[in-house]
Amino acid sequence: MIVAVKTNNKKRLLIKLASAVAVAIMFIAYYFHMSNEFAIQQQKEQEQKLKAIEIDNKKAMQNKLERIIYREVETAVDLIGQRNIQDVKIISDRVLIVADVGTNLDALKVRYGSTALIKNDLKDVKIAIDLKYVVESKFDDAE
């Protein structure tokens, strides 16, 4: 039977100490690396949440503007009289309403004033209402 007696060798102690230090350094480096990755991931999630909130706000504002424009067109049609309307279109920032020739437009002129442009033809009356000022005033009031 062979019996081996281990002695405290300085080289063996130095190797164990160096390997323990290397493992500790690896753990510290891994900790800092993972904390950086986590911070980057948190930042990306925060940016995505902000983008989602911006998109939701934009959609809410679009819906609000759409309702304001719809109500304003509805009001203009009611002022003219629904029976006298031939066509209603929204072109850029104006509402184009085509009405019959004998339509009474006094109420419309009183409500919109110079923002409503009226053109009388032989076949019909074309009314263009500028929505810019109407939407600005209604949008400020709605907030």
C-alpha atoms as a PDB file:
ATOM      1  CA  MET A   1       0.000   0.000   0.000  1.00  0.00           C
ATOM      2  CA  ILE A   2       1.265   3.416  -0.916  1.00  0.00           C
ATOM      3  CA  VAL A   3       0.550   6.307   1.346  1.00  0.00           C
ATOM      4  CA  ALA A   4       1.068   9.790   0.037  1.00  0.00           C
ATOM      5  CA  VAL A   5       1.501  12.603   2.444  1.00  0.00           C
ATOM      6  CA  LYS A   6       0.690  16.037   1.087  1.00  0.00           C
ATOM      7  CA  THR A   7       2.764  18.847   2.222  1.00  0.00           C
ATOM      8  CA  ASN A   8       1.901  22.515   2.065  1.00  0.00           C
ATOM      9  CA  ASN A   9       3.690  23.485  -0.997  1.00  0.00           C
ATOM     10  CA  LYS A  10       3.893  27.227  -1.739  1.00  0.00           C
ATOM     11  CA  LYS A  11       3.289  26.618  -5.452  1.00  0.00           C
ATOM     12  CA  ARG A  12       0.071  24.719  -4.778  1.00  0.00           C
ATOM     13  CA  LEU A  13      -1.161  27.455  -2.435  1.00  0.00           C
ATOM     14  CA  LEU A  14      -0.289  30.119  -5.011  1.00  0.00           C
ATOM     15  CA  ILE A  15      -2.164  28.214  -7.750  1.00  0.00           C
ATOM     16  CA  LYS A  16      -5.259  27.866  -5.536  1.00  0.00           C
ATOM     17  CA  LEU A  17      -5.140  31.543  -4.646  1.00  0.00           C
ATOM     18  CA  ALA A  18      -4.702  32.560  -8.318  1.00  0.00           C
ATOM     19  CA  SER A  19      -7.604  30.350  -9.404  1.00  0.00           C
ATOM     20  CA  ALA A  20      -9.819  31.737  -6.614  1.00  0.00           C
ATOM     21  CA  VAL A  21      -8.949  35.299  -7.672  1.00  0.00           C
ATOM     22  CA  ALA A  22      -9.626  34.415 -11.335  1.00  0.00           C
ATOM     23  CA  VAL A  23     -13.041  32.944 -10.438  1.00  0.00           C
ATOM     24  CA  ALA A  24     -13.863  36.026  -8.347  1.00  0.00           C
ATOM     25  CA  ILE A  25     -12.850  38.323 -11.218  1.00  0.00           C
ATOM     26  CA  MET A  26     -14.990  36.272 -13.628  1.00  0.00           C
ATOM     27  CA  PHE A  27     -18.017  36.558 -11.323  1.00  0.00           C
ATOM     28  CA  ILE A  28     -17.522  40.305 -10.922  1.00  0.00           C
ATOM     29  CA  ALA A  29     -17.146  40.782 -14.692  1.00  0.00           C
ATOM     30  CA  TYR A  30     -20.251  38.657 -15.311  1.00  0.00           C
ATOM     31  CA  TYR A  31     -22.212  40.707 -12.731  1.00  0.00           C
ATOM     32  CA  PHE A  32     -21.287  44.018 -14.381  1.00  0.00           C
ATOM     33  CA  HIS A  33     -21.978  42.618 -17.857  1.00  0.00           C
ATOM     34  CA  MET A  34     -25.438  41.383 -16.844  1.00  0.00           C
ATOM     35  CA  SER A  35     -26.260  44.650 -15.060  1.00  0.00           C
ATOM     36  CA  ASN A  36     -25.363  46.525 -18.271  1.00  0.00           C
ATOM     37  CA  GLU A  37     -27.538  44.169 -20.318  1.00  0.00           C
ATOM     38  CA  PHE A  38     -30.402  44.619 -17.866  1.00  0.00           C
ATOM     39  CA  ALA A  39     -30.060  48.414 -17.983  1.00  0.00           C
ATOM     40  CA  ILE A  40     -30.085  48.376 -21.791  1.00  0.00           C
ATOM     41  CA  GLN A  41     -33.133  46.106 -21.801  1.00  0.00           C
ATOM     42  CA  GLN A  42     -34.941  48.373 -19.329  1.00  0.00           C
ATOM     43  CA  GLN A  43     -34.135  51.402 -21.477  1.00  0.00           C
ATOM     44  CA  LYS A  44     -35.485  49.678 -24.603  1.00  0.00           C
ATOM     45  CA  GLU A  45     -38.684  48.707 -22.785  1.00  0.00           C
ATOM     46  CA  GLN A  46     -39.090  52.271 -21.542  1.00  0.00           C
ATOM     47  CA  GLU A  47     -38.658  53.631 -25.081  1.00  0.00           C
ATOM     48  CA  GLN A  48     -41.224  51.146 -26.387  1.00  0.00           C
ATOM     49  CA  LYS A  49     -43.685  52.205 -23.693  1.00  0.00           C
ATOM     50  CA  LEU A  50     -43.134  55.870 -24.562  1.00  0.00           C
ATOM     51  CA  LYS A  51     -43.683  55.135 -28.254  1.00  0.00           C
ATOM     52  CA  ALA A  52     -46.865  53.221 -27.437  1.00  0.00           C
ATOM     53  CA  ILE A  53     -48.096  56.122 -25.307  1.00  0.00           C
ATOM     54  CA  GLU A  54     -47.289  58.599 -28.098  1.00  0.00           C
ATOM     55  CA  ILE A  55     -49.164  56.446 -30.618  1.00  0.00           C
ATOM     56  CA  ASP A  56     -52.156  56.205 -28.281  1.00  0.00           C
ATOM     57  CA  ASN A  57     -52.131  59.964 -27.745  1.00  0.00           C
ATOM     58  CA  LYS A  58     -51.890  60.541 -31.479  1.00  0.00           C
ATOM     59  CA  LYS A  59     -54.826  58.208 -32.150  1.00  0.00           C
ATOM     60  CA  ALA A  60     -56.865  59.865 -29.410  1.00  0.00           C
ATOM     61  CA  MET A  61     -56.146  63.296 -30.909  1.00  0.00           C
ATOM     62  CA  GLN A  62     -57.072  62.035 -34.385  1.00  0.00           C
ATOM     63  CA  ASN A  63     -60.338  60.630 -33.070  1.00  0.00           C
ATOM     64  CA  LYS A  64     -61.046  63.896 -31.282  1.00  0.00           C
ATOM     65  CA  LEU A  65     -60.380  65.916 -34.448  1.00  0.00           C
ATOM     66  CA  GLU A  66     -62.499  63.533 -36.479  1.00  0.00           C
ATOM     67  CA  ARG A  67     -65.433  63.958 -34.072  1.00  0.00           C
ATOM     68  CA  ILE A  68     -65.050  67.756 -34.122  1.00  0.00           C
ATOM     69  CA  ILE A  69     -65.016  67.833 -37.931  1.00  0.00           C
ATOM     70  CA  TYR A  70     -67.945  65.431 -38.149  1.00  0.00           C
ATOM     71  CA  ARG A  71     -70.022  67.543 -35.751  1.00  0.00           C
ATOM     72  CA  GLU A  72     -69.142  70.719 -37.626  1.00  0.00           C
ATOM     73  CA  VAL A  73     -70.145  69.221 -40.979  1.00  0.00           C
ATOM     74  CA  GLU A  74     -73.331  67.943 -39.373  1.00  0.00           C
ATOM     75  CA  THR A  75     -74.084  71.455 -38.080  1.00  0.00           C
ATOM     76  CA  ALA A  76     -73.456  72.995 -41.508  1.00  0.00           C
ATOM     77  CA  VAL A  77     -75.744  70.451 -43.156  1.00  0.00           C
ATOM     78  CA  ASP A  78     -78.448  71.148 -40.579  1.00  0.00           C
ATOM     79  CA  LEU A  79     -78.135  74.907 -41.175  1.00  0.00           C
ATOM     80  CA  ILE A  80     -78.540  74.494 -44.919  1.00  0.00           C
ATOM     81  CA  GLY A  81     -81.214  71.828 -44.702  1.00  0.00           C
ATOM     82  CA  GLN A  82     -80.553  68.190 -45.404  1.00  0.00           C
ATOM     83  CA  ARG A  83     -83.015  68.054 -48.302  1.00  0.00           C
ATOM     84  CA  ASN A  84     -81.068  70.734 -50.186  1.00  0.00           C
ATOM     85  CA  ILE A  85     -77.671  68.972 -49.972  1.00  0.00           C
ATOM     86  CA  GLN A  86     -76.390  67.116 -53.017  1.00  0.00           C
ATOM     87  CA  ASP A  87     -72.862  66.204 -51.903  1.00  0.00           C
ATOM     88  CA  VAL A  88     -70.444  66.709 -49.003  1.00  0.00           C
ATOM     89  CA  LYS A  89     -66.684  66.203 -49.315  1.00  0.00           C
ATOM     90  CA  ILE A  90     -63.714  66.985 -47.123  1.00  0.00           C
ATOM     91  CA  ILE A  91     -60.741  68.165 -49.142  1.00  0.00           C
ATOM     92  CA  SER A  92     -57.561  68.965 -47.180  1.00  0.00           C
ATOM     93  CA  ASP A  93     -58.664  71.544 -44.589  1.00  0.00           C
ATOM     94  CA  ARG A  94     -61.986  72.504 -46.184  1.00  0.00           C
ATOM     95  CA  VAL A  95     -65.461  71.032 -46.340  1.00  0.00           C
ATOM     96  CA  LEU A  96     -67.011  71.242 -49.791  1.00  0.00           C
ATOM     97  CA  ILE A  97     -70.797  71.184 -49.757  1.00  0.00           C
ATOM     98  CA  VAL A  98     -72.797  71.117 -52.966  1.00  0.00           C
ATOM     99  CA  ALA A  99     -76.379  72.310 -52.515  1.00  0.00           C
ATOM    100  CA  ASP A 100     -79.403  73.051 -54.690  1.00  0.00           C
ATOM    101  CA  VAL A 101     -79.749  76.419 -56.417  1.00  0.00           C
ATOM    102  CA  GLY A 102     -82.625  77.857 -54.372  1.00  0.00           C
ATOM    103  CA  THR A 103     -81.106  77.073 -50.977  1.00  0.00           C
ATOM    104  CA  ASN A 104     -81.267  79.677 -48.197  1.00  0.00           C
ATOM    105  CA  LEU A 105     -77.698  80.190 -46.951  1.00  0.00           C
ATOM    106  CA  ASP A 106     -78.278  83.049 -44.508  1.00  0.00           C
ATOM    107  CA  ALA A 107     -77.861  80.894 -41.400  1.00  0.00           C
ATOM    108  CA  LEU A 108     -74.634  79.472 -42.806  1.00  0.00           C
ATOM    109  CA  LYS A 109     -73.313  82.955 -43.595  1.00  0.00           C
ATOM    110  CA  VAL A 110     -74.079  84.113 -40.065  1.00  0.00           C
ATOM    111  CA  ARG A 111     -72.388  81.118 -38.437  1.00  0.00           C
ATOM    112  CA  TYR A 112     -69.225  80.930 -40.532  1.00  0.00           C
ATOM    113  CA  GLY A 113     -68.871  84.447 -41.909  1.00  0.00           C
ATOM    114  CA  SER A 114     -65.769  84.839 -44.046  1.00  0.00           C
ATOM    115  CA  THR A 115     -64.560  81.276 -43.470  1.00  0.00           C
ATOM    116  CA  ALA A 116     -67.328  80.031 -45.795  1.00  0.00           C
ATOM    117  CA  LEU A 117     -66.762  80.661 -49.492  1.00  0.00           C
ATOM    118  CA  ILE A 118     -69.932  80.472 -51.586  1.00  0.00           C
ATOM    119  CA  LYS A 119     -70.066  80.080 -55.356  1.00  0.00           C
ATOM    120  CA  ASN A 120     -73.378  80.150 -57.219  1.00  0.00           C
ATOM    121  CA  ASP A 121     -73.573  78.202 -60.468  1.00  0.00           C
ATOM    122  CA  LEU A 122     -76.521  77.537 -62.759  1.00  0.00           C
ATOM    123  CA  LYS A 123     -76.859  73.934 -61.599  1.00  0.00           C
ATOM    124  CA  ASP A 124     -75.853  74.162 -57.947  1.00  0.00           C
ATOM    125  CA  VAL A 125     -74.345  76.206 -55.117  1.00  0.00           C
ATOM    126  CA  LYS A 126     -70.873  75.252 -53.903  1.00  0.00           C
ATOM    127  CA  ILE A 127     -69.894  76.105 -50.353  1.00  0.00           C
ATOM    128  CA  ALA A 128     -66.355  75.702 -49.042  1.00  0.00           C
ATOM    129  CA  ILE A 129     -65.980  76.023 -45.282  1.00  0.00           C
ATOM    130  CA  ASP A 130     -62.468  76.485 -43.911  1.00  0.00           C
ATOM    131  CA  LEU A 131     -62.069  74.041 -41.026  1.00  0.00           C
ATOM    132  CA  LYS A 132     -58.766  75.377 -39.755  1.00  0.00           C
ATOM    133  CA  TYR A 133     -60.184  78.097 -37.525  1.00  0.00           C
ATOM    134  CA  VAL A 134     -63.230  76.081 -36.531  1.00  0.00           C
ATOM    135  CA  VAL A 135     -61.149  73.100 -35.425  1.00  0.00           C
ATOM    136  CA  GLU A 136     -58.651  75.310 -33.595  1.00  0.00           C
ATOM    137  CA  SER A 137     -61.381  77.003 -31.573  1.00  0.00           C
ATOM    138  CA  LYS A 138     -63.271  73.765 -30.855  1.00  0.00           C
ATOM    139  CA  PHE A 139     -60.099  71.827 -30.062  1.00  0.00           C
ATOM    140  CA  ASP A 140     -58.991  74.421 -27.511  1.00  0.00           C
ATOM    141  CA  ASP A 141     -62.465  74.387 -25.942  1.00  0.00           C
ATOM    142  CA  ALA A 142     -62.571  70.563 -25.854  1.00  0.00           C
ATOM    143  CA  GLU A 143     -59.364  70.309 -23.879  1.00  0.00           C
END
